[in-house]
Amino acid sequence: EASVMTLIWSESMSRLDVPRAGTFDTVCAADCLFFEDYHTALLHTIGVLLSDSGKAFLYAPLRGGSLERFLEKAKDKFTVLREERYSEAVWAAHEKALKEGG
């Protein structure tokens, strides 16, 4: 079963604020690291949502160093693995776009 919801990230969020908090096996987020003022709130929110064995997958462009700074903060709370080449199809499209100037 999968579900999607809009969620306001907050450092004051508790498991009481979110239905099924602490039970999610997977949290996915994309392109949400640009605004660094929200990094701590995003990390806290992910922690509230995930089950003890859950994993978060974040997809972000290399833009201005915000990804690196987010990962440094994340290391304090989570085990962090960074992969740039996570899909051969996505990597091929990326390389093609670079060659075509896109």
C-alpha atoms as a PDB file:
ATOM      1  CA  GLU A   1       0.000   0.000   0.000  1.00  0.00           C
ATOM      2  CA  ALA A   2       1.268   3.455  -0.863  1.00  0.00           C
ATOM      3  CA  SER A   3      -0.042   6.834   0.146  1.00  0.00           C
ATOM      4  CA  VAL A   4       0.843  10.405  -0.698  1.00  0.00           C
ATOM      5  CA  MET A   5       0.189  13.485   1.383  1.00  0.00           C
ATOM      6  CA  THR A   6       1.182  17.095   1.704  1.00  0.00           C
ATOM      7  CA  LEU A   7       3.087  17.648   4.894  1.00  0.00           C
ATOM      8  CA  ILE A   8       4.396  20.848   6.454  1.00  0.00           C
ATOM      9  CA  TRP A   9       7.878  20.178   7.814  1.00  0.00           C
ATOM     10  CA  SER A  10       8.331  21.229  11.408  1.00  0.00           C
ATOM     11  CA  GLU A  11      10.910  20.809  14.138  1.00  0.00           C
ATOM     12  CA  SER A  12       8.074  20.754  16.683  1.00  0.00           C
ATOM     13  CA  MET A  13       6.155  17.932  14.991  1.00  0.00           C
ATOM     14  CA  SER A  14       5.562  14.852  17.097  1.00  0.00           C
ATOM     15  CA  ARG A  15       4.253  11.411  16.238  1.00  0.00           C
ATOM     16  CA  LEU A  16       0.916  12.527  17.638  1.00  0.00           C
ATOM     17  CA  ASP A  17       0.563  15.125  14.859  1.00  0.00           C
ATOM     18  CA  VAL A  18       0.665  12.733  11.894  1.00  0.00           C
ATOM     19  CA  PRO A  19      -1.576   9.731  11.254  1.00  0.00           C
ATOM     20  CA  ARG A  20       0.532   6.554  11.124  1.00  0.00           C
ATOM     21  CA  ALA A  21       3.695   8.441  12.130  1.00  0.00           C
ATOM     22  CA  GLY A  22       6.583   6.146  12.917  1.00  0.00           C
ATOM     23  CA  THR A  23       5.180   3.399  10.687  1.00  0.00           C
ATOM     24  CA  PHE A  24       6.423   4.374   7.234  1.00  0.00           C
ATOM     25  CA  ASP A  25       8.888   1.974   5.638  1.00  0.00           C
ATOM     26  CA  THR A  26       9.785   4.469   2.910  1.00  0.00           C
ATOM     27  CA  VAL A  27       9.770   8.237   2.582  1.00  0.00           C
ATOM     28  CA  CYS A  28      10.565   9.739  -0.829  1.00  0.00           C
ATOM     29  CA  ALA A  29      11.269  13.391  -1.504  1.00  0.00           C
ATOM     30  CA  ALA A  30      12.595  15.201  -4.558  1.00  0.00           C
ATOM     31  CA  ASP A  31      14.145  18.615  -5.134  1.00  0.00           C
ATOM     32  CA  CYS A  32      13.474  19.854  -1.612  1.00  0.00           C
ATOM     33  CA  LEU A  33      16.936  20.796  -0.342  1.00  0.00           C
ATOM     34  CA  PHE A  34      17.446  24.174  -1.988  1.00  0.00           C
ATOM     35  CA  PHE A  35      16.014  26.200   0.915  1.00  0.00           C
ATOM     36  CA  GLU A  36      18.533  25.456   3.619  1.00  0.00           C
ATOM     37  CA  ASP A  37      16.498  27.142   6.353  1.00  0.00           C
ATOM     38  CA  TYR A  38      14.230  24.076   6.229  1.00  0.00           C
ATOM     39  CA  HIS A  39      16.893  21.349   6.404  1.00  0.00           C
ATOM     40  CA  THR A  40      16.561  20.767  10.134  1.00  0.00           C
ATOM     41  CA  ALA A  41      12.761  20.688   9.951  1.00  0.00           C
ATOM     42  CA  LEU A  42      12.874  18.216   7.045  1.00  0.00           C
ATOM     43  CA  LEU A  43      15.259  15.924   8.915  1.00  0.00           C
ATOM     44  CA  HIS A  44      13.054  15.997  12.000  1.00  0.00           C
ATOM     45  CA  THR A  45       9.926  15.319   9.940  1.00  0.00           C
ATOM     46  CA  ILE A  46      11.543  12.336   8.210  1.00  0.00           C
ATOM     47  CA  GLY A  47      12.525  10.984  11.620  1.00  0.00           C
ATOM     48  CA  VAL A  48       8.951  11.319  12.870  1.00  0.00           C
ATOM     49  CA  LEU A  49       7.536   9.493   9.855  1.00  0.00           C
ATOM     50  CA  LEU A  50       9.920   6.570   9.484  1.00  0.00           C
ATOM     51  CA  SER A  51       9.571   3.245  11.221  1.00  0.00           C
ATOM     52  CA  ASP A  52      12.648   1.992  13.081  1.00  0.00           C
ATOM     53  CA  SER A  53      13.759   0.075   9.974  1.00  0.00           C
ATOM     54  CA  GLY A  54      12.483   2.653   7.452  1.00  0.00           C
ATOM     55  CA  LYS A  55      14.489   4.335   4.725  1.00  0.00           C
ATOM     56  CA  ALA A  56      14.275   7.773   3.172  1.00  0.00           C
ATOM     57  CA  PHE A  57      15.169   8.408  -0.455  1.00  0.00           C
ATOM     58  CA  LEU A  58      15.884  12.010  -1.376  1.00  0.00           C
ATOM     59  CA  TYR A  59      16.594  13.104  -4.924  1.00  0.00           C
ATOM     60  CA  ALA A  60      18.278  16.460  -5.351  1.00  0.00           C
ATOM     61  CA  PRO A  61      20.349  18.254  -7.949  1.00  0.00           C
ATOM     62  CA  LEU A  62      23.876  19.423  -7.223  1.00  0.00           C
ATOM     63  CA  ARG A  63      23.039  23.069  -6.781  1.00  0.00           C
ATOM     64  CA  GLY A  64      25.032  25.546  -4.754  1.00  0.00           C
ATOM     65  CA  GLY A  65      26.249  23.007  -2.191  1.00  0.00           C
ATOM     66  CA  SER A  66      22.885  22.628  -0.435  1.00  0.00           C
ATOM     67  CA  LEU A  67      22.905  18.844  -0.906  1.00  0.00           C
ATOM     68  CA  GLU A  68      26.305  18.500   0.754  1.00  0.00           C
ATOM     69  CA  ARG A  69      25.264  20.687   3.689  1.00  0.00           C
ATOM     70  CA  PHE A  70      22.023  18.711   4.123  1.00  0.00           C
ATOM     71  CA  LEU A  71      23.934  15.411   4.133  1.00  0.00           C
ATOM     72  CA  GLU A  72      26.287  16.707   6.818  1.00  0.00           C
ATOM     73  CA  LYS A  73      23.299  17.477   9.056  1.00  0.00           C
ATOM     74  CA  ALA A  74      21.637  14.177   8.181  1.00  0.00           C
ATOM     75  CA  LYS A  75      24.708  12.192   9.308  1.00  0.00           C
ATOM     76  CA  ASP A  76      23.993  13.278  12.891  1.00  0.00           C
ATOM     77  CA  LYS A  77      20.621  11.489  12.818  1.00  0.00           C
ATOM     78  CA  PHE A  78      20.704   8.859  10.057  1.00  0.00           C
ATOM     79  CA  THR A  79      23.004   6.505   8.233  1.00  0.00           C
ATOM     80  CA  VAL A  80      23.640   8.321   4.958  1.00  0.00           C
ATOM     81  CA  LEU A  81      24.444   6.754   1.600  1.00  0.00           C
ATOM     82  CA  ARG A  82      24.918   9.033  -1.377  1.00  0.00           C
ATOM     83  CA  GLU A  83      24.499   7.620  -4.861  1.00  0.00           C
ATOM     84  CA  GLU A  84      24.665   9.657  -8.024  1.00  0.00           C
ATOM     85  CA  ARG A  85      24.289   6.762 -10.443  1.00  0.00           C
ATOM     86  CA  TYR A  86      21.250   5.044  -8.928  1.00  0.00           C
ATOM     87  CA  SER A  87      19.617   4.182 -12.263  1.00  0.00           C
ATOM     88  CA  GLU A  88      21.315   3.461 -15.589  1.00  0.00           C
ATOM     89  CA  ALA A  89      18.327   4.886 -17.493  1.00  0.00           C
ATOM     90  CA  VAL A  90      18.381   8.146 -15.521  1.00  0.00           C
ATOM     91  CA  TRP A  91      22.172   8.371 -15.823  1.00  0.00           C
ATOM     92  CA  ALA A  92      22.000   7.877 -19.612  1.00  0.00           C
ATOM     93  CA  ALA A  93      19.383  10.635 -19.904  1.00  0.00           C
ATOM     94  CA  HIS A  94      21.557  12.884 -17.732  1.00  0.00           C
ATOM     95  CA  GLU A  95      24.634  12.309 -19.905  1.00  0.00           C
ATOM     96  CA  LYS A  96      22.619  12.878 -23.078  1.00  0.00           C
ATOM     97  CA  ALA A  97      21.269  16.180 -21.715  1.00  0.00           C
ATOM     98  CA  LEU A  98      24.808  17.296 -20.826  1.00  0.00           C
ATOM     99  CA  LYS A  99      26.080  16.496 -24.324  1.00  0.00           C
ATOM    100  CA  GLU A 100      23.167  18.344 -25.938  1.00  0.00           C
ATOM    101  CA  GLY A 101      23.660  21.355 -23.697  1.00  0.00           C
ATOM    102  CA  GLY A 102      20.411  20.819 -21.777  1.00  0.00           C
END
